[in-house]
Every structure is written in structure tokens, then in C-alpha cells.
Protein backbone atom coordinates (compact mmCIF):
# COMPACT_ATOMS: atom_id res chain seq x y z
CA MET A 1 -21.89 4.65 3.45
CA ALA A 2 -20.38 1.97 1.46
CA THR A 3 -19.36 -1.44 2.94
CA ILE A 4 -15.87 -2.33 1.61
CA PRO A 5 -15.43 -6.19 1.44
CA THR A 6 -12.49 -7.88 3.17
CA ILE A 7 -9.84 -10.42 2.19
CA THR A 8 -8.11 -12.97 4.45
CA LEU A 9 -4.25 -12.73 4.63
CA ASN A 10 -2.25 -15.90 4.94
CA ASN A 11 -2.03 -15.54 8.59
CA GLY A 12 -5.73 -15.52 9.02
CA VAL A 13 -6.14 -11.68 9.75
CA GLU A 14 -8.87 -9.98 7.73
CA MET A 15 -8.02 -6.92 5.69
CA PRO A 16 -10.30 -4.46 3.66
CA GLN A 17 -9.76 -4.87 -0.22
CA LEU A 18 -9.77 -0.91 -0.81
CA GLY A 19 -8.16 1.55 1.64
CA PHE A 20 -7.06 4.94 2.01
CA GLY A 21 -3.48 6.19 1.31
CA VAL A 22 -1.66 9.39 2.47
CA PHE A 23 1.56 9.51 0.47
CA GLN A 24 2.53 13.01 -0.31
CA VAL A 25 0.21 14.54 2.11
CA PRO A 26 2.96 16.27 4.31
CA ASP A 27 0.58 18.99 5.80
CA LEU A 28 -0.39 17.65 8.97
CA ALA A 29 -3.78 19.40 9.41
CA GLU A 30 -4.69 18.40 5.90
CA CYS A 31 -3.60 14.79 6.27
CA ALA A 32 -5.50 14.53 9.67
CA ALA A 33 -8.77 16.10 8.34
CA ALA A 34 -8.44 13.58 5.15
CA VAL A 35 -7.97 10.68 7.36
CA THR A 36 -11.07 11.60 9.44
CA THR A 37 -13.17 12.23 6.24
CA ALA A 38 -12.12 8.82 4.81
CA LEU A 39 -13.02 7.00 7.98
CA GLN A 40 -16.33 8.69 8.26
CA ALA A 41 -17.01 7.87 4.64
CA GLY A 42 -16.46 4.02 5.41
CA TYR A 43 -12.80 3.42 4.81
CA ARG A 44 -11.33 0.96 7.26
CA LEU A 45 -7.83 0.45 5.97
CA LEU A 46 -5.35 3.40 6.28
CA ASP A 47 -1.81 3.31 4.68
CA THR A 48 1.08 5.61 5.94
CA ALA A 49 4.80 5.07 6.37
CA THR A 50 7.67 6.46 8.33
CA ALA A 51 8.94 8.08 5.20
CA TYR A 52 5.64 9.96 4.63
CA GLN A 53 6.25 12.11 7.83
CA ASN A 54 2.65 12.09 8.62
CA GLU A 55 2.04 9.18 11.00
CA GLU A 56 1.04 11.63 13.80
CA ALA A 57 -1.39 13.38 11.57
CA VAL A 58 -3.03 9.77 10.87
CA GLY A 59 -3.16 9.28 14.53
CA ARG A 60 -4.86 12.48 15.01
CA GLY A 61 -7.39 11.75 12.10
CA ILE A 62 -8.12 8.38 13.75
CA LYS A 63 -8.96 9.96 17.09
CA ALA A 64 -11.03 12.73 15.44
CA SER A 65 -13.06 10.34 13.32
CA GLY A 66 -14.97 8.63 16.27
CA VAL A 67 -14.36 5.32 14.65
CA ALA A 68 -13.37 2.56 17.21
CA ARG A 69 -9.94 1.61 16.95
CA ASP A 70 -10.59 -2.21 16.43
CA GLU A 71 -12.61 -1.36 13.35
CA ILE A 72 -9.56 0.26 11.65
CA PHE A 73 -6.71 -1.61 9.85
CA VAL A 74 -3.58 0.75 10.18
CA THR A 75 -0.66 0.04 8.05
CA SER A 76 2.65 1.84 8.32
CA LYS A 77 6.28 1.00 7.02
CA LEU A 78 9.80 1.08 8.29
CA TRP A 79 12.48 3.10 6.23
CA VAL A 80 15.66 1.82 5.31
CA SER A 81 17.52 4.07 7.70
CA ASP A 82 16.08 1.62 10.37
CA PHE A 83 17.01 -1.51 8.53
CA THR A 84 18.99 -3.36 11.29
CA TYR A 85 17.66 -5.57 14.10
CA GLU A 86 18.16 -2.84 16.97
CA ARG A 87 17.09 0.18 14.88
CA ALA A 88 14.09 -1.64 13.59
CA GLN A 89 13.17 -2.44 17.21
CA ARG A 90 13.22 1.36 17.88
CA GLY A 91 11.47 2.18 14.59
CA ILE A 92 8.62 0.09 15.48
CA ASP A 93 8.09 1.74 18.71
CA ALA A 94 8.60 5.23 17.15
CA SER A 95 5.75 4.55 14.56
CA LEU A 96 3.44 3.29 17.35
CA GLN A 97 4.20 6.52 19.41
CA ARG A 98 3.70 8.90 16.72
CA LEU A 99 0.46 7.18 15.72
CA GLY A 100 -0.68 7.09 19.23
CA LEU A 101 -1.60 3.31 19.04
CA ASP A 102 -0.97 0.23 21.14
CA TYR A 103 -0.65 -1.90 17.96
CA LEU A 104 -0.37 -1.74 14.20
CA ASP A 105 -2.49 -4.03 11.97
CA LEU A 106 0.24 -4.40 9.28
CA TYR A 107 3.80 -3.15 9.23
CA LEU A 108 6.10 -3.37 6.13
CA LEU A 109 9.78 -3.13 5.28
CA HIS A 110 9.61 -0.35 2.85
CA GLN A 111 12.43 -1.17 0.38
CA PRO A 112 14.58 -4.39 -0.31
CA TYR A 113 17.87 -2.60 0.58
CA GLY A 114 20.30 -2.71 3.82
CA ASP A 115 19.79 -5.40 6.46
CA THR A 116 16.61 -6.56 5.56
CA MET A 117 17.06 -9.78 7.43
CA GLY A 118 17.95 -8.07 10.72
CA ALA A 119 15.01 -5.66 10.38
CA TRP A 120 12.54 -8.62 9.58
CA ARG A 121 13.59 -10.43 12.67
CA ALA A 122 12.59 -7.18 14.67
CA LEU A 123 9.18 -7.20 12.81
CA GLU A 124 8.92 -11.05 13.55
CA GLU A 125 9.48 -10.45 17.29
CA ALA A 126 7.13 -7.43 17.37
CA HIS A 127 4.55 -9.58 15.68
CA GLN A 128 4.89 -12.39 18.25
CA ALA A 129 4.73 -9.81 21.08
CA GLY A 130 1.39 -8.48 19.72
CA LYS A 131 2.61 -5.02 18.81
CA ILE A 132 1.87 -5.90 15.03
CA ARG A 133 -0.82 -8.18 13.81
CA ALA A 134 0.59 -9.01 10.38
CA ILE A 135 4.00 -8.06 8.80
CA GLY A 136 4.96 -7.64 5.01
CA VAL A 137 7.19 -5.88 2.48
CA SER A 138 6.98 -3.22 -0.11
CA ASN A 139 8.89 -3.16 -3.45
CA PHE A 140 10.39 -6.61 -3.24
CA TYR A 141 10.76 -8.58 -6.60
CA ALA A 142 10.10 -12.17 -6.70
CA ASP A 143 13.67 -13.29 -5.99
CA GLN A 144 14.00 -10.93 -3.16
CA LEU A 145 10.64 -12.12 -1.70
CA LYS A 146 11.59 -15.73 -2.04
CA ASN A 147 15.04 -15.16 -0.37
CA LEU A 148 13.20 -13.52 2.62
CA GLU A 149 10.76 -16.46 2.76
CA LEU A 150 13.48 -19.16 2.72
CA THR A 151 15.69 -17.20 5.25
CA MET A 152 13.15 -16.09 7.84
CA THR A 153 10.57 -17.71 10.13
CA VAL A 154 7.33 -15.57 9.29
CA LYS A 155 6.20 -15.39 5.80
CA PRO A 156 5.16 -11.98 4.56
CA VAL A 157 1.48 -11.47 4.28
CA ILE A 158 1.64 -8.64 1.70
CA ASN A 159 3.91 -7.14 -1.01
CA GLN A 160 3.21 -3.57 -1.81
CA ILE A 161 4.29 -2.76 -5.20
CA GLU A 162 3.65 -0.24 -8.11
CA VAL A 163 0.74 -1.48 -10.13
CA ASN A 164 -1.27 0.74 -12.73
CA PRO A 165 -2.40 0.43 -16.12
CA TRP A 166 0.98 1.78 -17.48
CA TYR A 167 2.93 -0.68 -15.52
CA GLN A 168 0.89 -3.92 -14.77
CA GLN A 169 3.64 -6.28 -13.69
CA PRO A 170 1.85 -9.43 -14.52
CA SER A 171 4.63 -11.94 -13.64
CA GLU A 172 5.28 -10.28 -10.23
CA VAL A 173 1.74 -10.22 -9.49
CA ALA A 174 1.25 -13.94 -10.46
CA PHE A 175 4.38 -14.85 -8.50
CA ASN A 176 3.17 -13.16 -5.15
CA GLN A 177 -0.30 -14.53 -5.56
CA SER A 178 1.12 -18.15 -6.16
CA GLU A 179 3.10 -17.81 -2.92
CA ASP A 180 -0.25 -16.64 -1.30
CA VAL A 181 1.27 -13.21 -0.59
CA ARG A 182 -1.36 -10.48 -1.16
CA VAL A 183 -0.38 -7.81 -3.78
CA GLU A 184 -1.24 -4.30 -2.65
CA ALA A 185 -0.91 -1.55 -5.40
CA TRP A 186 0.73 1.93 -4.88
CA ALA A 187 0.41 4.59 -7.41
CA PRO A 188 -2.83 2.98 -9.01
CA PHE A 189 -3.44 6.11 -10.91
CA ALA A 190 0.33 6.50 -11.85
CA GLU A 191 -0.11 9.92 -10.12
CA GLY A 192 -1.94 11.21 -13.26
CA LYS A 193 1.16 10.65 -15.53
CA GLN A 194 0.68 10.34 -19.43
CA GLY A 195 -2.94 11.52 -19.04
CA ILE A 196 -4.31 8.56 -17.52
CA PHE A 197 -7.56 10.23 -16.43
CA THR A 198 -8.29 11.40 -19.88
CA ASN A 199 -7.10 8.18 -21.78
CA THR A 200 -9.67 7.50 -24.44
CA THR A 201 -9.76 3.57 -24.06
CA LEU A 202 -10.28 4.10 -20.23
CA GLN A 203 -12.92 6.88 -20.87
CA GLN A 204 -14.87 4.50 -23.25
CA ILE A 205 -15.00 1.69 -20.80
CA ALA A 206 -16.01 4.18 -17.99
CA GLN A 207 -18.86 5.67 -19.97
CA ALA A 208 -20.15 2.18 -20.54
CA HIS A 209 -20.50 1.64 -16.80
CA GLY A 210 -21.56 5.09 -15.90
CA LYS A 211 -18.26 5.50 -13.99
CA THR A 212 -15.15 7.73 -13.93
CA THR A 213 -11.79 6.48 -15.38
CA GLY A 214 -10.41 6.44 -11.77
CA GLN A 215 -13.23 4.08 -10.67
CA VAL A 216 -12.58 1.71 -13.57
CA ILE A 217 -8.72 1.62 -12.74
CA LEU A 218 -9.66 0.85 -9.14
CA ARG A 219 -12.15 -1.91 -10.31
CA TRP A 220 -9.63 -3.34 -12.75
CA LEU A 221 -7.07 -3.74 -9.90
CA LEU A 222 -9.66 -5.38 -7.54
CA GLN A 223 -10.54 -7.99 -10.22
CA ARG A 224 -6.97 -8.96 -10.43
CA GLY A 225 -7.11 -9.68 -6.84
CA ILE A 226 -5.10 -6.73 -5.77
CA THR A 227 -5.63 -4.56 -2.89
CA VAL A 228 -5.54 -0.87 -3.57
CA ILE A 229 -4.94 2.49 -1.53
CA PRO A 230 -5.78 5.61 -3.74
CA LYS A 231 -4.97 8.93 -2.06
CA SER A 232 -7.10 12.03 -2.26
CA VAL A 233 -7.41 15.10 0.04
CA HIS A 234 -11.00 15.99 -1.59
CA ARG A 235 -14.13 14.84 0.05
CA GLU A 236 -15.87 14.07 -3.50
CA ARG A 237 -12.97 12.09 -4.60
CA ILE A 238 -12.66 10.32 -1.37
CA ARG A 239 -15.98 9.03 -1.70
CA GLU A 240 -15.84 8.39 -5.50
CA ASN A 241 -12.80 6.04 -5.05
CA GLN A 242 -14.86 3.66 -2.73
CA ASP A 243 -17.88 3.51 -4.97
CA VAL A 244 -16.32 0.61 -7.13
CA PHE A 245 -18.21 -2.40 -5.81
CA ASP A 246 -21.50 -2.12 -7.73
CA PHE A 247 -20.18 -2.99 -11.21
CA THR A 248 -18.04 -5.56 -12.94
CA LEU A 249 -15.69 -5.09 -15.84
CA THR A 250 -16.19 -7.80 -18.55
CA PRO A 251 -13.37 -10.19 -19.68
CA ALA A 252 -13.12 -8.20 -22.76
CA GLU A 253 -12.77 -4.94 -20.95
CA MET A 254 -10.06 -6.52 -18.59
CA GLN A 255 -8.26 -7.66 -21.63
CA THR A 256 -8.41 -4.22 -23.29
CA ILE A 257 -6.86 -2.72 -20.22
CA ALA A 258 -4.34 -5.20 -20.17
CA GLY A 259 -3.15 -3.90 -23.63
CA LEU A 260 -2.29 -0.48 -22.07
CA ASP A 261 0.71 -1.95 -20.33
CA GLN A 262 4.10 -0.22 -21.19
CA GLY A 263 6.09 -2.68 -19.05
CA LYS A 264 8.00 -0.11 -17.19
CA SER A 265 7.86 1.92 -14.09
CA GLN A 266 6.42 5.40 -14.12
CA PHE A 267 8.69 6.47 -11.51
CA PHE A 268 12.06 4.70 -11.17
CA ASP A 269 13.64 1.32 -11.47
CA HIS A 270 14.19 -0.20 -8.03
CA ARG A 271 16.95 -2.50 -9.38
CA ASP A 272 19.07 0.42 -11.01
CA PRO A 273 22.06 0.81 -9.00
CA VAL A 274 22.40 4.71 -9.73
CA THR A 275 18.80 5.11 -8.68
CA ILE A 276 19.42 3.07 -5.39
CA GLU A 277 22.38 5.30 -4.68
CA GLN A 278 20.52 8.61 -5.43
CA ILE A 279 17.32 7.74 -3.45
CA PHE A 280 18.51 5.41 -0.86
CA GLY A 281 22.25 5.58 -0.50
CA ALA A 282 22.19 8.37 2.06
CA SER A 283 19.97 6.40 4.33
CA LEU A 284 21.92 3.18 3.95
CA LYS A 285 25.25 4.94 4.71
CA ASP A 286 23.74 5.82 8.26
CA LEU A 287 23.85 2.25 9.02
CA LYS A 288 27.72 1.87 8.35
């Protein structure tokens, strides 16, 4: 069983460098089984969200694993439909109830829309009350992060953003790191888009280290100082994804992978007004 190294967040809380994500695992039985498998394989960081609709399954998986609660770092996220002070208070309690936990290790604002300041104030109070050990954000651009920092009392510990070989976001990563805000990558494999697992460049680097392309991608992110949360429901892949601490990519290999950057999201532009309306508009209208 691999031991995953930890990092220290800007509030002193320790967090594993690599974790297990459950995005797009809506089947509760499958999700619970995958969480149990991951924990028993040595993962100690779990990442879910209200919007994933599987917090209850994550809680079941934790209980079934036999791993002590204080050994597990559990992250969830508040959806924009709860982005007011009062709704956020209820949303935090609802996440805890669904997970069956007394506290969360990390809780994030899932998107930078709606009344983020009101919601953040609720997160700050929950943090002060001991319900949440650390609070952070997801999908915030540099200006949005800075605005939150200047407006509120508690600084975010993490910004979870899309980072993968096709969309490397070097300036956003550098800004967060300069602010001592940890970057955590979602969609590290770009959900397999553009044949990422069979890319010739990545395959050649993988072969040089006796690893898979997926392991090379995870190692590349880790060496950039980025925490990563790959998802899988397959036992072999779950174990494979954590076997990335016994090799190091050379500076030349890191630079080669940097050359794969296409400079655009593989999913959607979080700043496009049409996209915001299509994806988040319905939720935001509930707040009016």
C-alpha cells in the first residue's frame, strides 16, 4: 500500500498531495464501492460535491472501508443554488448530513457566480465553529480570487481548477501559488479527450519510465506543485493512479509536456456569458 505525501495548506492543515475524485459516478452503490476500494488501497483524500449527487454514497464508502475518520481528508463543494448567506448555512449542514460526518476537512465554493461573498461568510462561520477545517474555492480566476481575498476575512486555502496537458493554465497556477493558495486540478486526464492516453509524446515519456501515460500526467501535475484528484471506478486503475511517487520527470520532459498546451478549456469557458446562462442560469434564478 502506497503512502501518499502530504502538503501543508496556508492555515496549517495538512492535506494529501493526491486524492480520489467521484465526479460523474452517480450510481450510489458503484460510488460507495469505489470509495471503499480507494481508501483500502491507501488514498486518504476524497473529493465530492453537492452537484455530484453522491455525497451519501461517499459517506457509505467511508464507513464500509474500516479506515478511521481522522485519517481521511474529505472535501465537498457548495453549489451556486445555495450561494446566499442563509442558504449556504443550510447547504453546509446538508452536506454533513448526507455524508454522515461531524465535520468536513475542506469545503469549497463550486463556482464564482451569485452571492459568493454571502456564501463565503457562511463558510467562514462554519470554519470558526469547527464544522469545516479549511475553506476554499473552485473555478475562480485570478481577479475573482483576489476580490474575495480583499473582501473577506479568511483566505482560501485552495482553488480547484481545470489543469491537464491540453489546458495547462500557467499564469493562473502561478498566481494562485504566489498567493499561497494551493492549486488542485480537476479533469487531469481531460476525460480522455483528443486521445490523451494514446498521445505519442506522452507515450514515449511513459515508456522511458516504465509507466503509463496516465501516471506521467499525474506526475507532471505533482511536480508543478498541484494537488490532483483522478477518478476511476476500476480497482486496477485506482491503484495505478497512486503509483506515481517512485519516479521523477526530467526538466526536459516537463518542458516537452508544456509544449502540448492548447491554451483553452476542454469543456467550457467559465467566463462566457452564454455558457454561464446555459449551465448556471437556472440555479442563479432560484436565488431571486
